[in-house]
Amino acid sequence: MCWQARPGMGLDKWASPNKTTVGICGRSISGLRKRKFAIYLVKKGMRMKANYAWIASRLYTINELSKICDITPRTLRHYEDMGLLTPERRGNQRLYRERDRVRLQLILRGRRLGFGLNEIQEMLDLYDADPTEVTQLRDVIRRGDVKLRELQSQVEELQTIMAEITELRMTMQRRLEQILIQEE
């Protein structure tokens, strides 16, 4: 039995008549969508075809993940110390799952947008508490609006400073020209 998982996604999901076995039988989707779908199936407790099971269970070492995200291993350890990431431990080795990689990307995006690590932690905790994402989305929208107002204020302040510098420059240029004319 084969049926479309989501319209327009190019992804087919098949299930046995008793709905105990679920797999992917489409090939025309991006790697990211495959990973998301595989993770979705794992979260729902469903089994996947063996050739797609690796997507959800991929492990990264600290060096692999730091190279992928272009950050230092020290940064990863810092995020772990703060509780933002929770890698598995095998002896002294840290092993990061796909979930940790996605969380790291969200952390880095939050940092790039100017959010502090404590704010990012709060947003990530909301996602863990509410898998429907409604609470998290509302909170992120609220925080985004606050950040936009802060940025707008900074832009206005910078425009004022630029106008003052431009005016000061013009005044100094006129003064320089007057001095040069007097010397001639």
N, C-alpha and C. Protein backbone atom coordinates (compact mmCIF):
# COMPACT_ATOMS: atom_id res chain seq x y z
N MET A 1 0.86 -1.17 0.00
CA MET A 1 0.00 0.00 0.00
C MET A 1 0.91 1.23 0.00
N CYS A 2 0.72 2.14 -0.94
CA CYS A 2 1.58 3.30 -1.08
C CYS A 2 0.71 4.55 -1.13
N TRP A 3 1.06 5.59 -0.38
CA TRP A 3 0.28 6.81 -0.40
C TRP A 3 1.18 8.02 -0.19
N GLN A 4 0.70 9.17 -0.63
CA GLN A 4 1.49 10.41 -0.57
C GLN A 4 1.52 10.93 0.86
N ALA A 5 2.72 11.23 1.36
CA ALA A 5 2.86 11.74 2.72
C ALA A 5 2.40 13.19 2.81
N ARG A 6 2.91 14.04 1.93
CA ARG A 6 2.51 15.44 1.87
C ARG A 6 2.43 15.85 0.41
N PRO A 7 1.38 16.53 0.01
CA PRO A 7 1.26 16.94 -1.38
C PRO A 7 2.41 17.83 -1.81
N GLY A 8 2.93 17.57 -2.98
CA GLY A 8 3.98 18.39 -3.56
C GLY A 8 5.36 18.16 -2.98
N MET A 9 5.49 17.25 -2.06
CA MET A 9 6.78 17.05 -1.43
C MET A 9 7.61 16.03 -2.19
N GLY A 10 7.00 15.23 -3.04
CA GLY A 10 7.73 14.22 -3.79
C GLY A 10 8.14 13.06 -2.92
N LEU A 11 7.46 12.87 -1.82
CA LEU A 11 7.83 11.84 -0.87
C LEU A 11 6.66 10.88 -0.69
N ASP A 12 6.90 9.62 -0.96
CA ASP A 12 5.87 8.62 -0.76
C ASP A 12 6.17 7.84 0.50
N LYS A 13 5.13 7.49 1.21
CA LYS A 13 5.28 6.69 2.41
C LYS A 13 4.45 5.43 2.18
N TRP A 14 5.02 4.30 2.49
CA TRP A 14 4.26 3.08 2.33
C TRP A 14 4.08 2.42 3.67
N ALA A 15 2.98 1.72 3.81
CA ALA A 15 2.71 1.01 5.05
C ALA A 15 2.09 -0.34 4.73
N SER A 16 2.40 -1.30 5.55
CA SER A 16 1.78 -2.60 5.38
C SER A 16 0.31 -2.48 5.78
N PRO A 17 -0.54 -3.39 5.34
CA PRO A 17 -1.97 -3.29 5.66
C PRO A 17 -2.25 -3.15 7.16
N ASN A 18 -1.45 -3.76 8.01
CA ASN A 18 -1.69 -3.63 9.45
C ASN A 18 -1.00 -2.41 10.05
N LYS A 19 -0.39 -1.57 9.19
CA LYS A 19 0.24 -0.31 9.57
C LYS A 19 1.38 -0.49 10.56
N THR A 20 2.04 -1.61 10.56
CA THR A 20 3.14 -1.83 11.49
C THR A 20 4.48 -1.48 10.87
N THR A 21 4.59 -1.50 9.56
CA THR A 21 5.85 -1.21 8.90
C THR A 21 5.67 0.01 8.02
N VAL A 22 6.53 1.02 8.20
CA VAL A 22 6.46 2.25 7.41
C VAL A 22 7.81 2.48 6.78
N GLY A 23 7.83 2.97 5.55
CA GLY A 23 9.09 3.23 4.88
C GLY A 23 8.94 4.34 3.87
N ILE A 24 10.03 4.64 3.20
CA ILE A 24 10.05 5.69 2.17
C ILE A 24 10.31 5.02 0.84
N CYS A 25 9.48 5.33 -0.16
CA CYS A 25 9.73 4.73 -1.46
C CYS A 25 9.89 5.80 -2.55
N GLY A 26 10.07 7.07 -2.18
CA GLY A 26 10.30 8.13 -3.16
C GLY A 26 11.76 8.50 -3.18
N ARG A 27 12.26 8.98 -4.33
CA ARG A 27 13.67 9.36 -4.42
C ARG A 27 13.84 10.82 -4.84
N SER A 28 12.76 11.50 -5.15
CA SER A 28 12.88 12.84 -5.73
C SER A 28 12.78 13.95 -4.68
N ILE A 29 13.38 13.74 -3.52
CA ILE A 29 13.34 14.77 -2.50
C ILE A 29 14.75 15.11 -2.05
N SER A 30 14.88 16.26 -1.45
CA SER A 30 16.20 16.68 -0.98
C SER A 30 16.61 15.90 0.25
N GLY A 31 17.90 15.92 0.55
CA GLY A 31 18.42 15.22 1.72
C GLY A 31 17.81 15.74 3.01
N LEU A 32 17.58 17.07 3.08
CA LEU A 32 17.01 17.65 4.29
C LEU A 32 15.62 17.10 4.54
N ARG A 33 14.80 17.03 3.51
CA ARG A 33 13.45 16.50 3.69
C ARG A 33 13.49 15.03 4.09
N LYS A 34 14.42 14.28 3.53
CA LYS A 34 14.56 12.88 3.94
C LYS A 34 14.87 12.79 5.42
N ARG A 35 15.80 13.64 5.88
CA ARG A 35 16.19 13.60 7.28
C ARG A 35 15.01 13.98 8.17
N LYS A 36 14.31 15.05 7.80
CA LYS A 36 13.17 15.49 8.61
C LYS A 36 12.12 14.38 8.68
N PHE A 37 11.86 13.75 7.54
CA PHE A 37 10.84 12.70 7.52
C PHE A 37 11.30 11.49 8.32
N ALA A 38 12.58 11.16 8.19
CA ALA A 38 13.10 10.01 8.95
C ALA A 38 13.03 10.29 10.44
N ILE A 39 13.37 11.50 10.84
CA ILE A 39 13.29 11.85 12.25
C ILE A 39 11.85 11.81 12.73
N TYR A 40 10.93 12.30 11.90
CA TYR A 40 9.51 12.26 12.23
C TYR A 40 9.06 10.82 12.47
N LEU A 41 9.48 9.92 11.60
CA LEU A 41 9.08 8.53 11.76
C LEU A 41 9.66 7.92 13.04
N VAL A 42 10.90 8.26 13.33
CA VAL A 42 11.52 7.73 14.54
C VAL A 42 10.79 8.26 15.77
N LYS A 43 10.46 9.56 15.76
CA LYS A 43 9.74 10.14 16.90
C LYS A 43 8.39 9.46 17.10
N LYS A 44 7.76 9.06 16.01
CA LYS A 44 6.46 8.41 16.10
C LYS A 44 6.59 6.93 16.42
N GLY A 45 7.81 6.45 16.59
CA GLY A 45 8.02 5.06 16.94
C GLY A 45 7.82 4.10 15.78
N MET A 46 7.96 4.58 14.56
CA MET A 46 7.76 3.74 13.38
C MET A 46 9.09 3.23 12.86
N ARG A 47 9.08 2.07 12.23
CA ARG A 47 10.29 1.54 11.63
C ARG A 47 10.43 2.03 10.20
N MET A 48 11.67 2.21 9.75
CA MET A 48 11.92 2.67 8.40
C MET A 48 12.68 1.62 7.62
N LYS A 49 12.70 1.77 6.29
CA LYS A 49 13.56 0.92 5.48
C LYS A 49 14.99 1.10 5.95
N ALA A 50 15.77 0.06 5.92
CA ALA A 50 17.13 0.09 6.47
C ALA A 50 18.00 1.16 5.83
N ASN A 51 17.85 1.41 4.51
CA ASN A 51 18.73 2.37 3.86
C ASN A 51 18.43 3.82 4.24
N TYR A 52 17.35 4.10 4.94
CA TYR A 52 17.06 5.45 5.40
C TYR A 52 17.21 5.58 6.90
N ALA A 53 17.40 4.50 7.61
CA ALA A 53 17.49 4.55 9.07
C ALA A 53 18.71 5.34 9.53
N TRP A 54 19.80 5.34 8.74
CA TRP A 54 21.01 6.06 9.14
C TRP A 54 20.79 7.55 9.26
N ILE A 55 19.80 8.09 8.54
CA ILE A 55 19.58 9.53 8.52
C ILE A 55 19.28 10.03 9.93
N ALA A 56 18.41 9.33 10.64
CA ALA A 56 18.02 9.77 11.97
C ALA A 56 19.05 9.39 13.03
N SER A 57 19.89 8.39 12.75
CA SER A 57 20.81 7.93 13.78
C SER A 57 22.25 8.36 13.51
N ARG A 58 22.48 9.28 12.60
CA ARG A 58 23.82 9.75 12.26
C ARG A 58 24.45 10.39 13.48
N LEU A 59 25.69 10.04 13.79
CA LEU A 59 26.43 10.61 14.90
C LEU A 59 27.59 11.44 14.36
N TYR A 60 27.88 12.54 15.03
CA TYR A 60 28.98 13.42 14.65
C TYR A 60 29.94 13.53 15.83
N THR A 61 31.21 13.51 15.54
CA THR A 61 32.19 13.79 16.58
C THR A 61 32.25 15.30 16.77
N ILE A 62 32.93 15.74 17.81
CA ILE A 62 33.02 17.17 18.08
C ILE A 62 33.75 17.89 16.94
N ASN A 63 34.77 17.25 16.37
CA ASN A 63 35.50 17.88 15.26
C ASN A 63 34.67 17.93 13.99
N GLU A 64 33.92 16.87 13.71
CA GLU A 64 33.07 16.86 12.51
C GLU A 64 32.01 17.96 12.61
N LEU A 65 31.35 18.04 13.75
CA LEU A 65 30.29 19.04 13.90
C LEU A 65 30.84 20.45 13.90
N SER A 66 32.01 20.64 14.49
CA SER A 66 32.58 21.99 14.49
C SER A 66 32.98 22.41 13.08
N LYS A 67 33.47 21.47 12.26
CA LYS A 67 33.81 21.79 10.87
C LYS A 67 32.56 22.07 10.04
N ILE A 68 31.52 21.27 10.24
CA ILE A 68 30.26 21.46 9.50
C ILE A 68 29.70 22.86 9.76
N CYS A 69 29.74 23.28 11.01
CA CYS A 69 29.13 24.56 11.40
C CYS A 69 30.11 25.71 11.46
N ASP A 70 31.36 25.45 11.12
CA ASP A 70 32.40 26.48 11.08
C ASP A 70 32.54 27.21 12.42
N ILE A 71 32.64 26.41 13.48
CA ILE A 71 32.89 26.95 14.81
C ILE A 71 34.00 26.11 15.45
N THR A 72 34.48 26.52 16.58
CA THR A 72 35.55 25.78 17.24
C THR A 72 34.96 24.71 18.16
N PRO A 73 35.72 23.65 18.40
CA PRO A 73 35.27 22.65 19.38
C PRO A 73 35.06 23.27 20.76
N ARG A 74 35.83 24.29 21.09
CA ARG A 74 35.67 24.96 22.38
C ARG A 74 34.27 25.58 22.49
N THR A 75 33.77 26.14 21.39
CA THR A 75 32.43 26.71 21.38
C THR A 75 31.39 25.63 21.64
N LEU A 76 31.57 24.48 21.00
CA LEU A 76 30.64 23.36 21.24
C LEU A 76 30.66 22.94 22.71
N ARG A 77 31.85 22.85 23.28
CA ARG A 77 31.94 22.47 24.69
C ARG A 77 31.28 23.53 25.58
N HIS A 78 31.41 24.80 25.21
CA HIS A 78 30.76 25.87 25.97
C HIS A 78 29.24 25.72 25.92
N TYR A 79 28.70 25.46 24.73
CA TYR A 79 27.26 25.26 24.59
C TYR A 79 26.80 24.05 25.39
N GLU A 80 27.64 23.03 25.43
CA GLU A 80 27.31 21.85 26.24
C GLU A 80 27.31 22.21 27.73
N ASP A 81 28.30 22.97 28.17
CA ASP A 81 28.36 23.39 29.57
C ASP A 81 27.14 24.20 29.98
N MET A 82 26.63 24.99 29.04
CA MET A 82 25.44 25.80 29.32
C MET A 82 24.15 25.00 29.26
N GLY A 83 24.23 23.77 28.76
CA GLY A 83 23.03 22.94 28.66
C GLY A 83 22.28 23.09 27.36
N LEU A 84 22.87 23.80 26.40
CA LEU A 84 22.20 23.99 25.10
C LEU A 84 22.29 22.72 24.25
N LEU A 85 23.36 21.98 24.39
CA LEU A 85 23.56 20.73 23.66
C LEU A 85 23.80 19.61 24.65
N THR A 86 23.34 18.42 24.30
CA THR A 86 23.53 17.27 25.18
C THR A 86 24.04 16.08 24.38
N PRO A 87 25.33 16.06 24.08
CA PRO A 87 25.86 14.94 23.30
C PRO A 87 25.95 13.67 24.14
N GLU A 88 25.97 12.55 23.42
CA GLU A 88 26.21 11.27 24.09
C GLU A 88 27.69 11.20 24.45
N ARG A 89 27.99 10.40 25.43
CA ARG A 89 29.38 10.18 25.81
C ARG A 89 29.72 8.72 25.62
N ARG A 90 30.81 8.47 24.96
CA ARG A 90 31.38 7.12 24.87
C ARG A 90 32.82 7.25 25.32
N GLY A 91 33.03 6.97 26.60
CA GLY A 91 34.34 7.22 27.17
C GLY A 91 34.53 8.72 27.26
N ASN A 92 35.62 9.21 26.70
CA ASN A 92 35.88 10.65 26.68
C ASN A 92 35.35 11.32 25.42
N GLN A 93 34.82 10.55 24.51
CA GLN A 93 34.39 11.09 23.21
C GLN A 93 32.95 11.59 23.29
N ARG A 94 32.74 12.78 22.73
CA ARG A 94 31.39 13.35 22.61
C ARG A 94 30.85 12.96 21.25
N LEU A 95 29.63 12.45 21.23
CA LEU A 95 28.97 12.11 19.98
C LEU A 95 27.65 12.86 19.89
N TYR A 96 27.51 13.65 18.83
CA TYR A 96 26.34 14.50 18.64
C TYR A 96 25.39 13.84 17.65
N ARG A 97 24.12 13.85 17.97
CA ARG A 97 23.08 13.31 17.08
C ARG A 97 22.59 14.40 16.14
N GLU A 98 21.75 14.00 15.23
CA GLU A 98 21.15 14.94 14.28
C GLU A 98 20.40 16.05 15.02
N ARG A 99 19.73 15.70 16.09
CA ARG A 99 19.00 16.67 16.90
C ARG A 99 19.95 17.75 17.42
N ASP A 100 21.13 17.34 17.87
CA ASP A 100 22.12 18.31 18.36
C ASP A 100 22.60 19.22 17.23
N ARG A 101 22.77 18.66 16.04
CA ARG A 101 23.20 19.47 14.89
C ARG A 101 22.15 20.53 14.56
N VAL A 102 20.88 20.13 14.57
CA VAL A 102 19.81 21.08 14.28
C VAL A 102 19.73 22.14 15.38
N ARG A 103 19.84 21.72 16.63
CA ARG A 103 19.84 22.68 17.74
C ARG A 103 21.01 23.66 17.61
N LEU A 104 22.17 23.14 17.21
CA LEU A 104 23.33 24.00 17.04
C LEU A 104 23.08 25.04 15.94
N GLN A 105 22.45 24.63 14.86
CA GLN A 105 22.13 25.59 13.81
C GLN A 105 21.17 26.66 14.31
N LEU A 106 20.21 26.27 15.14
CA LEU A 106 19.29 27.25 15.72
C LEU A 106 20.02 28.19 16.67
N ILE A 107 20.94 27.65 17.45
CA ILE A 107 21.74 28.47 18.37
C ILE A 107 22.55 29.50 17.57
N LEU A 108 23.21 29.04 16.52
CA LEU A 108 24.04 29.95 15.72
C LEU A 108 23.19 31.00 15.02
N ARG A 109 22.02 30.62 14.56
CA ARG A 109 21.13 31.60 13.93
C ARG A 109 20.69 32.63 14.97
N GLY A 110 20.34 32.16 16.16
CA GLY A 110 19.95 33.08 17.22
C GLY A 110 21.06 34.05 17.58
N ARG A 111 22.29 33.54 17.66
CA ARG A 111 23.44 34.40 17.96
C ARG A 111 23.62 35.44 16.85
N ARG A 112 23.50 34.98 15.59
CA ARG A 112 23.67 35.90 14.46
C ARG A 112 22.60 37.01 14.48
N LEU A 113 21.40 36.67 14.97
CA LEU A 113 20.32 37.66 15.02
C LEU A 113 20.39 38.53 16.27
N GLY A 114 21.38 38.27 17.12
CA GLY A 114 21.59 39.14 18.26
C GLY A 114 20.98 38.67 19.57
N PHE A 115 20.48 37.45 19.62
CA PHE A 115 19.92 36.94 20.87
C PHE A 115 21.04 36.42 21.77
N GLY A 116 20.85 36.56 23.06
CA GLY A 116 21.81 36.03 24.03
C GLY A 116 21.60 34.54 24.21
N LEU A 117 22.60 33.88 24.77
CA LEU A 117 22.50 32.42 24.96
C LEU A 117 21.38 32.05 25.92
N ASN A 118 21.13 32.88 26.93
CA ASN A 118 20.02 32.58 27.85
C ASN A 118 18.68 32.66 27.14
N GLU A 119 18.52 33.66 26.26
CA GLU A 119 17.28 33.77 25.48
C GLU A 119 17.11 32.56 24.55
N ILE A 120 18.20 32.16 23.93
CA ILE A 120 18.15 31.00 23.03
C ILE A 120 17.79 29.76 23.82
N GLN A 121 18.36 29.61 25.01
CA GLN A 121 18.04 28.46 25.88
C GLN A 121 16.54 28.43 26.19
N GLU A 122 15.98 29.59 26.53
CA GLU A 122 14.54 29.66 26.83
C GLU A 122 13.70 29.26 25.62
N MET A 123 14.09 29.72 24.43
CA MET A 123 13.34 29.37 23.22
C MET A 123 13.44 27.88 22.92
N LEU A 124 14.62 27.30 23.07
CA LEU A 124 14.79 25.87 22.84
C LEU A 124 14.02 25.05 23.87
N ASP A 125 14.01 25.51 25.11
CA ASP A 125 13.25 24.81 26.15
C ASP A 125 11.76 24.81 25.84
N LEU A 126 11.27 25.90 25.28
CA LEU A 126 9.85 25.96 24.89
C LEU A 126 9.53 24.91 23.83
N TYR A 127 10.47 24.74 22.88
CA TYR A 127 10.24 23.73 21.84
C TYR A 127 10.18 22.34 22.45
N ASP A 128 11.06 22.05 23.40
CA ASP A 128 11.06 20.74 24.05
C ASP A 128 9.78 20.51 24.84
N ALA A 129 9.25 21.59 25.46
CA ALA A 129 8.06 21.47 26.28
C ALA A 129 6.78 21.36 25.45
N ASP A 130 6.77 21.96 24.27
CA ASP A 130 5.56 21.98 23.43
C ASP A 130 5.90 21.52 22.02
N PRO A 131 5.75 20.22 21.73
CA PRO A 131 6.12 19.73 20.40
C PRO A 131 5.26 20.27 19.27
N THR A 132 4.11 20.88 19.59
CA THR A 132 3.28 21.47 18.52
C THR A 132 3.89 22.76 18.01
N GLU A 133 4.86 23.32 18.74
CA GLU A 133 5.60 24.52 18.39
C GLU A 133 4.80 25.81 18.54
N VAL A 134 3.53 25.74 18.95
CA VAL A 134 2.69 26.94 19.05
C VAL A 134 3.28 27.93 20.05
N THR A 135 3.60 27.45 21.24
CA THR A 135 4.15 28.33 22.27
C THR A 135 5.48 28.91 21.83
N GLN A 136 6.33 28.06 21.25
CA GLN A 136 7.63 28.52 20.80
C GLN A 136 7.49 29.57 19.70
N LEU A 137 6.62 29.33 18.75
CA LEU A 137 6.45 30.27 17.64
C LEU A 137 5.96 31.62 18.15
N ARG A 138 5.00 31.61 19.07
CA ARG A 138 4.50 32.87 19.63
C ARG A 138 5.63 33.61 20.35
N ASP A 139 6.42 32.88 21.12
CA ASP A 139 7.51 33.49 21.87
C ASP A 139 8.58 34.05 20.92
N VAL A 140 8.92 33.30 19.89
CA VAL A 140 9.93 33.76 18.93
C VAL A 140 9.44 34.99 18.18
N ILE A 141 8.16 35.01 17.83
CA ILE A 141 7.59 36.19 17.16
C ILE A 141 7.66 37.39 18.08
N ARG A 142 7.30 37.21 19.35
CA ARG A 142 7.35 38.31 20.33
C ARG A 142 8.79 38.82 20.48
N ARG A 143 9.72 37.89 20.65
CA ARG A 143 11.13 38.29 20.81
C ARG A 143 11.66 38.94 19.52
N GLY A 144 11.22 38.43 18.39
CA GLY A 144 11.64 39.03 17.11
C GLY A 144 11.14 40.45 16.96
N ASP A 145 9.90 40.69 17.41
CA ASP A 145 9.36 42.05 17.35
C ASP A 145 10.16 42.99 18.24
N VAL A 146 10.52 42.52 19.44
CA VAL A 146 11.34 43.34 20.34
C VAL A 146 12.69 43.63 19.69
N LYS A 147 13.29 42.61 19.10
CA LYS A 147 14.60 42.77 18.45
C LYS A 147 14.50 43.75 17.28
N LEU A 148 13.42 43.67 16.50
CA LEU A 148 13.23 44.60 15.39
C LEU A 148 13.12 46.04 15.88
N ARG A 149 12.40 46.25 16.99
CA ARG A 149 12.29 47.61 17.54
C ARG A 149 13.66 48.11 18.00
N GLU A 150 14.45 47.23 18.63
CA GLU A 150 15.80 47.61 19.06
C GLU A 150 16.66 47.99 17.87
N LEU A 151 16.59 47.18 16.82
CA LEU A 151 17.39 47.45 15.62
C LEU A 151 16.95 48.74 14.94
N GLN A 152 15.64 48.98 14.90
CA GLN A 152 15.14 50.22 14.30
C GLN A 152 15.66 51.42 15.07
N SER A 153 15.68 51.31 16.38
CA SER A 153 16.21 52.39 17.22
C SER A 153 17.69 52.61 16.94
N GLN A 154 18.44 51.53 16.80
CA GLN A 154 19.87 51.64 16.49
C GLN A 154 20.10 52.26 15.12
N VAL A 155 19.27 51.89 14.15
CA VAL A 155 19.39 52.47 12.80
C VAL A 155 19.15 53.96 12.86
N GLU A 156 18.11 54.38 13.59
CA GLU A 156 17.82 55.81 13.70
C GLU A 156 18.97 56.56 14.38
N GLU A 157 19.53 55.94 15.43
CA GLU A 157 20.66 56.55 16.12
C GLU A 157 21.87 56.66 15.19
N LEU A 158 22.14 55.63 14.41
CA LEU A 158 23.26 55.67 13.46
C LEU A 158 23.03 56.72 12.38
N GLN A 159 21.79 56.85 11.92
CA GLN A 159 21.50 57.88 10.92
C GLN A 159 21.73 59.28 11.48
N THR A 160 21.38 59.47 12.74
CA THR A 160 21.62 60.77 13.39
C THR A 160 23.12 61.04 13.48
N ILE A 161 23.89 60.04 13.89
CA ILE A 161 25.34 60.18 14.00
C ILE A 161 25.95 60.47 12.64
N MET A 162 25.48 59.75 11.60
CA MET A 162 25.99 59.98 10.25
C MET A 162 25.69 61.40 9.79
N ALA A 163 24.50 61.89 10.09
CA ALA A 163 24.14 63.26 9.70
C ALA A 163 25.04 64.27 10.42
N GLU A 164 25.30 64.03 11.71
CA GLU A 164 26.18 64.93 12.46
C GLU A 164 27.60 64.92 11.90
N ILE A 165 28.11 63.74 11.60
CA ILE A 165 29.47 63.63 11.04
C ILE A 165 29.54 64.31 9.67
N THR A 166 28.51 64.12 8.86
CA THR A 166 28.47 64.74 7.54
C THR A 166 28.47 66.27 7.67
N GLU A 167 27.65 66.77 8.58
CA GLU A 167 27.58 68.22 8.80
C GLU A 167 28.92 68.75 9.32
N LEU A 168 29.52 68.03 10.28
CA LEU A 168 30.81 68.42 10.83
C LEU A 168 31.89 68.40 9.75
N ARG A 169 31.85 67.42 8.90
CA ARG A 169 32.83 67.31 7.80
C ARG A 169 32.69 68.50 6.85
N MET A 170 31.45 68.83 6.51
CA MET A 170 31.23 69.96 5.60
C MET A 170 31.73 71.25 6.23
N THR A 171 31.49 71.43 7.53
CA THR A 171 31.96 72.63 8.23
C THR A 171 33.48 72.69 8.19
N MET A 172 34.12 71.57 8.48
CA MET A 172 35.59 71.52 8.47
C MET A 172 36.14 71.72 7.07
N GLN A 173 35.47 71.20 6.07
CA GLN A 173 35.91 71.37 4.68
C GLN A 173 35.86 72.84 4.30
N ARG A 174 34.77 73.52 4.67
CA ARG A 174 34.66 74.97 4.38
C ARG A 174 35.75 75.76 5.11
N ARG A 175 35.99 75.39 6.36
CA ARG A 175 37.04 76.07 7.14
C ARG A 175 38.41 75.86 6.51
N LEU A 176 38.69 74.63 6.06
CA LEU A 176 39.96 74.33 5.40
C LEU A 176 40.12 75.15 4.13
N GLU A 177 39.06 75.24 3.35
CA GLU A 177 39.11 76.03 2.13
C GLU A 177 39.37 77.51 2.42
N GLN A 178 38.74 78.05 3.50
CA GLN A 178 38.96 79.44 3.90
C GLN A 178 40.42 79.68 4.28
N ILE A 179 41.00 78.75 5.02
CA ILE A 179 42.39 78.87 5.46
C ILE A 179 43.32 78.84 4.24
N LEU A 180 43.05 77.93 3.33
CA LEU A 180 43.89 77.81 2.13
C LEU A 180 43.79 79.05 1.27
N ILE A 181 42.62 79.64 1.18
CA ILE A 181 42.43 80.86 0.38
C ILE A 181 43.19 82.04 1.03
N GLN A 182 43.16 82.13 2.35
CA GLN A 182 43.85 83.22 3.07
C GLN A 182 45.37 83.11 2.91
N GLU A 183 45.87 81.89 2.83
CA GLU A 183 47.32 81.69 2.69
C GLU A 183 47.82 82.09 1.32
N GLU A 184 46.97 82.07 0.34
CA GLU A 184 47.40 82.40 -1.02
C GLU A 184 47.57 83.83 -1.22
